[in-house]
């Protein structure tokens, strides 16, 4: 069942596909289960407060992830980011593919501003096209 009520997110999101890497930071039991290695994933959407990703790993809700990705701004300047986030939901999309909703818990102020500008630009571009 899909939620039909009013929007509850604090920040606007934009659909964007980026390649990211992450590894489970906490809890240690999950890190040991999935391995202490970098895992590749794709973003589904992004906001200054979080992102949704698709991954082959079944990561439990409340797990803490350390994520790395590069965001290119409107001037084509790349910005490498390293952000910590907490898994808020995990939906099995299809066999061995999960969609994770992640809230950012540790993000540099500069990175948050860059993401907010990226989202604003993308939404404005979408309105004018």
C-alpha atoms as a PDB file:
ATOM      1  CA  UNK A   1       0.000   0.000   0.000  1.00  0.00           C
ATOM      2  CA  UNK A   2       1.332   3.441  -0.941  1.00  0.00           C
ATOM      3  CA  UNK A   3       1.087   6.359   1.504  1.00  0.00           C
ATOM      4  CA  UNK A   4      -1.517   8.870   0.229  1.00  0.00           C
ATOM      5  CA  UNK A   5      -1.400  11.536   2.975  1.00  0.00           C
ATOM      6  CA  UNK A   6       0.305  14.928   3.022  1.00  0.00           C
ATOM      7  CA  UNK A   7       4.044  15.172   2.258  1.00  0.00           C
ATOM      8  CA  UNK A   8       6.008  14.583   5.460  1.00  0.00           C
ATOM      9  CA  UNK A   9       9.533  15.147   4.178  1.00  0.00           C
ATOM     10  CA  UNK A  10      11.392  18.221   5.410  1.00  0.00           C
ATOM     11  CA  UNK A  11      13.334  18.654   2.163  1.00  0.00           C
ATOM     12  CA  UNK A  12      12.400  18.452  -1.500  1.00  0.00           C
ATOM     13  CA  UNK A  13      13.882  15.499  -3.361  1.00  0.00           C
ATOM     14  CA  UNK A  14      14.931  15.089  -6.934  1.00  0.00           C
ATOM     15  CA  UNK A  15      15.230  11.878  -8.918  1.00  0.00           C
ATOM     16  CA  UNK A  16      18.883  11.372  -9.774  1.00  0.00           C
ATOM     17  CA  UNK A  17      21.015   8.361 -10.630  1.00  0.00           C
ATOM     18  CA  UNK A  18      24.493   8.470  -9.134  1.00  0.00           C
ATOM     19  CA  UNK A  19      26.899   5.668  -8.386  1.00  0.00           C
ATOM     20  CA  UNK A  20      27.822   5.553  -4.730  1.00  0.00           C
ATOM     21  CA  UNK A  21      29.863   3.296  -2.502  1.00  0.00           C
ATOM     22  CA  UNK A  22      28.981   2.543   1.094  1.00  0.00           C
ATOM     23  CA  UNK A  23      29.889   0.293   3.924  1.00  0.00           C
ATOM     24  CA  UNK A  24      28.009  -0.583   7.083  1.00  0.00           C
ATOM     25  CA  UNK A  25      29.449   1.231  10.081  1.00  0.00           C
ATOM     26  CA  UNK A  26      27.023   0.046  12.774  1.00  0.00           C
ATOM     27  CA  UNK A  27      25.857  -2.308  14.138  1.00  0.00           C
ATOM     28  CA  UNK A  28      28.987  -4.415  14.131  1.00  0.00           C
ATOM     29  CA  UNK A  29      26.953  -7.621  13.726  1.00  0.00           C
ATOM     30  CA  UNK A  30      25.569  -6.406  10.385  1.00  0.00           C
ATOM     31  CA  UNK A  31      29.009  -5.188   9.298  1.00  0.00           C
ATOM     32  CA  UNK A  32      30.387  -8.669   9.966  1.00  0.00           C
ATOM     33  CA  UNK A  33      27.458 -10.284   8.136  1.00  0.00           C
ATOM     34  CA  UNK A  34      27.808  -8.218   4.941  1.00  0.00           C
ATOM     35  CA  UNK A  35      31.570  -7.782   5.230  1.00  0.00           C
ATOM     36  CA  UNK A  36      33.643  -4.718   6.031  1.00  0.00           C
ATOM     37  CA  UNK A  37      33.974  -3.828   2.355  1.00  0.00           C
ATOM     38  CA  UNK A  38      32.824  -1.004   0.106  1.00  0.00           C
ATOM     39  CA  UNK A  39      29.609  -1.895  -1.717  1.00  0.00           C
ATOM     40  CA  UNK A  40      28.399  -0.233  -4.902  1.00  0.00           C
ATOM     41  CA  UNK A  41      24.873   1.117  -5.226  1.00  0.00           C
ATOM     42  CA  UNK A  42      22.790   3.552  -7.289  1.00  0.00           C
ATOM     43  CA  UNK A  43      20.860   6.512  -5.986  1.00  0.00           C
ATOM     44  CA  UNK A  44      17.154   6.750  -6.726  1.00  0.00           C
ATOM     45  CA  UNK A  45      16.596  10.230  -5.333  1.00  0.00           C
ATOM     46  CA  UNK A  46      18.446  12.858  -3.303  1.00  0.00           C
ATOM     47  CA  UNK A  47      17.723  15.737  -0.928  1.00  0.00           C
ATOM     48  CA  UNK A  48      19.797  17.723   1.512  1.00  0.00           C
ATOM     49  CA  UNK A  49      18.405  15.499   4.260  1.00  0.00           C
ATOM     50  CA  UNK A  50      18.832  12.064   2.724  1.00  0.00           C
ATOM     51  CA  UNK A  51      18.668   9.758  -0.265  1.00  0.00           C
ATOM     52  CA  UNK A  52      17.137   6.564  -1.525  1.00  0.00           C
ATOM     53  CA  UNK A  53      19.443   3.946  -3.007  1.00  0.00           C
ATOM     54  CA  UNK A  54      19.086   0.576  -4.660  1.00  0.00           C
ATOM     55  CA  UNK A  55      21.457  -2.163  -3.564  1.00  0.00           C
ATOM     56  CA  UNK A  56      21.822  -5.927  -3.672  1.00  0.00           C
ATOM     57  CA  UNK A  57      22.378  -6.021   0.103  1.00  0.00           C
ATOM     58  CA  UNK A  58      19.600  -6.535   2.652  1.00  0.00           C
ATOM     59  CA  UNK A  59      20.618  -3.861   5.170  1.00  0.00           C
ATOM     60  CA  UNK A  60      18.400  -3.688   8.292  1.00  0.00           C
ATOM     61  CA  UNK A  61      16.547  -0.544   9.339  1.00  0.00           C
ATOM     62  CA  UNK A  62      18.555   1.613  11.818  1.00  0.00           C
ATOM     63  CA  UNK A  63      21.922   0.482  10.394  1.00  0.00           C
ATOM     64  CA  UNK A  64      24.479   3.278  10.024  1.00  0.00           C
ATOM     65  CA  UNK A  65      26.146   3.591   6.598  1.00  0.00           C
ATOM     66  CA  UNK A  66      29.215   5.535   5.529  1.00  0.00           C
ATOM     67  CA  UNK A  67      28.563   6.670   1.943  1.00  0.00           C
ATOM     68  CA  UNK A  68      30.830   8.220  -0.675  1.00  0.00           C
ATOM     69  CA  UNK A  69      29.790   9.786  -3.964  1.00  0.00           C
ATOM     70  CA  UNK A  70      30.598  12.670  -6.268  1.00  0.00           C
ATOM     71  CA  UNK A  71      28.042  15.290  -7.179  1.00  0.00           C
ATOM     72  CA  UNK A  72      28.630  17.572 -10.169  1.00  0.00           C
ATOM     73  CA  UNK A  73      27.147  21.054  -9.796  1.00  0.00           C
ATOM     74  CA  UNK A  74      25.700  23.354 -12.483  1.00  0.00           C
ATOM     75  CA  UNK A  75      29.199  24.706 -13.293  1.00  0.00           C
ATOM     76  CA  UNK A  76      30.354  21.103 -13.922  1.00  0.00           C
ATOM     77  CA  UNK A  77      32.518  21.190 -10.784  1.00  0.00           C
ATOM     78  CA  UNK A  78      32.778  17.765  -9.105  1.00  0.00           C
ATOM     79  CA  UNK A  79      32.305  17.596  -5.328  1.00  0.00           C
ATOM     80  CA  UNK A  80      33.451  14.407  -3.581  1.00  0.00           C
ATOM     81  CA  UNK A  81      31.282  13.744  -0.525  1.00  0.00           C
ATOM     82  CA  UNK A  82      31.558  11.419   2.429  1.00  0.00           C
ATOM     83  CA  UNK A  83      28.323  11.299   4.433  1.00  0.00           C
ATOM     84  CA  UNK A  84      27.020   9.160   7.294  1.00  0.00           C
ATOM     85  CA  UNK A  85      23.378   8.125   7.251  1.00  0.00           C
ATOM     86  CA  UNK A  86      20.869   5.874   8.970  1.00  0.00           C
ATOM     87  CA  UNK A  87      18.655   3.404   7.112  1.00  0.00           C
ATOM     88  CA  UNK A  88      14.999   4.370   7.694  1.00  0.00           C
ATOM     89  CA  UNK A  89      13.364   1.825   5.419  1.00  0.00           C
ATOM     90  CA  UNK A  90      14.260  -1.235   3.358  1.00  0.00           C
ATOM     91  CA  UNK A  91      11.908  -2.391   0.612  1.00  0.00           C
ATOM     92  CA  UNK A  92      12.539  -5.522  -1.419  1.00  0.00           C
ATOM     93  CA  UNK A  93      12.016  -4.367  -5.024  1.00  0.00           C
ATOM     94  CA  UNK A  94      12.769  -7.664  -6.715  1.00  0.00           C
ATOM     95  CA  UNK A  95      14.902 -10.707  -6.043  1.00  0.00           C
ATOM     96  CA  UNK A  96      18.097  -9.504  -4.337  1.00  0.00           C
ATOM     97  CA  UNK A  97      17.426  -5.807  -4.982  1.00  0.00           C
ATOM     98  CA  UNK A  98      16.507  -3.509  -2.114  1.00  0.00           C
ATOM     99  CA  UNK A  99      15.525   0.142  -1.985  1.00  0.00           C
ATOM    100  CA  UNK A 100      16.906   1.805   1.137  1.00  0.00           C
ATOM    101  CA  UNK A 101      15.747   5.156   2.461  1.00  0.00           C
ATOM    102  CA  UNK A 102      18.603   6.897   4.254  1.00  0.00           C
ATOM    103  CA  UNK A 103      18.543   9.983   6.488  1.00  0.00           C
ATOM    104  CA  UNK A 104      21.821  11.878   6.630  1.00  0.00           C
ATOM    105  CA  UNK A 105      23.074  11.998  10.225  1.00  0.00           C
ATOM    106  CA  UNK A 106      26.540  13.487   9.665  1.00  0.00           C
ATOM    107  CA  UNK A 107      27.093  15.824   6.738  1.00  0.00           C
ATOM    108  CA  UNK A 108      29.404  18.781   6.284  1.00  0.00           C
ATOM    109  CA  UNK A 109      27.601  22.103   6.059  1.00  0.00           C
ATOM    110  CA  UNK A 110      29.287  22.737   2.684  1.00  0.00           C
ATOM    111  CA  UNK A 111      28.068  19.383   1.303  1.00  0.00           C
ATOM    112  CA  UNK A 112      24.526  20.053   2.528  1.00  0.00           C
ATOM    113  CA  UNK A 113      24.562  23.428   0.741  1.00  0.00           C
ATOM    114  CA  UNK A 114      25.893  21.865  -2.486  1.00  0.00           C
ATOM    115  CA  UNK A 115      23.173  19.196  -2.391  1.00  0.00           C
ATOM    116  CA  UNK A 116      20.464  21.798  -1.670  1.00  0.00           C
ATOM    117  CA  UNK A 117      21.657  23.897  -4.636  1.00  0.00           C
ATOM    118  CA  UNK A 118      21.770  20.795  -6.859  1.00  0.00           C
ATOM    119  CA  UNK A 119      18.182  19.874  -5.929  1.00  0.00           C
ATOM    120  CA  UNK A 120      16.941  23.446  -6.413  1.00  0.00           C
ATOM    121  CA  UNK A 121      18.600  23.694  -9.849  1.00  0.00           C
ATOM    122  CA  UNK A 122      17.243  20.294 -10.928  1.00  0.00           C
ATOM    123  CA  UNK A 123      13.702  21.175  -9.827  1.00  0.00           C
ATOM    124  CA  UNK A 124      13.868  24.559 -11.601  1.00  0.00           C
ATOM    125  CA  UNK A 125      15.172  22.873 -14.761  1.00  0.00           C
ATOM    126  CA  UNK A 126      12.313  20.367 -14.562  1.00  0.00           C
ATOM    127  CA  UNK A 127       9.726  23.185 -14.276  1.00  0.00           C
ATOM    128  CA  UNK A 128      11.094  25.024 -17.315  1.00  0.00           C
ATOM    129  CA  UNK A 129      11.365  21.997 -19.597  1.00  0.00           C
END
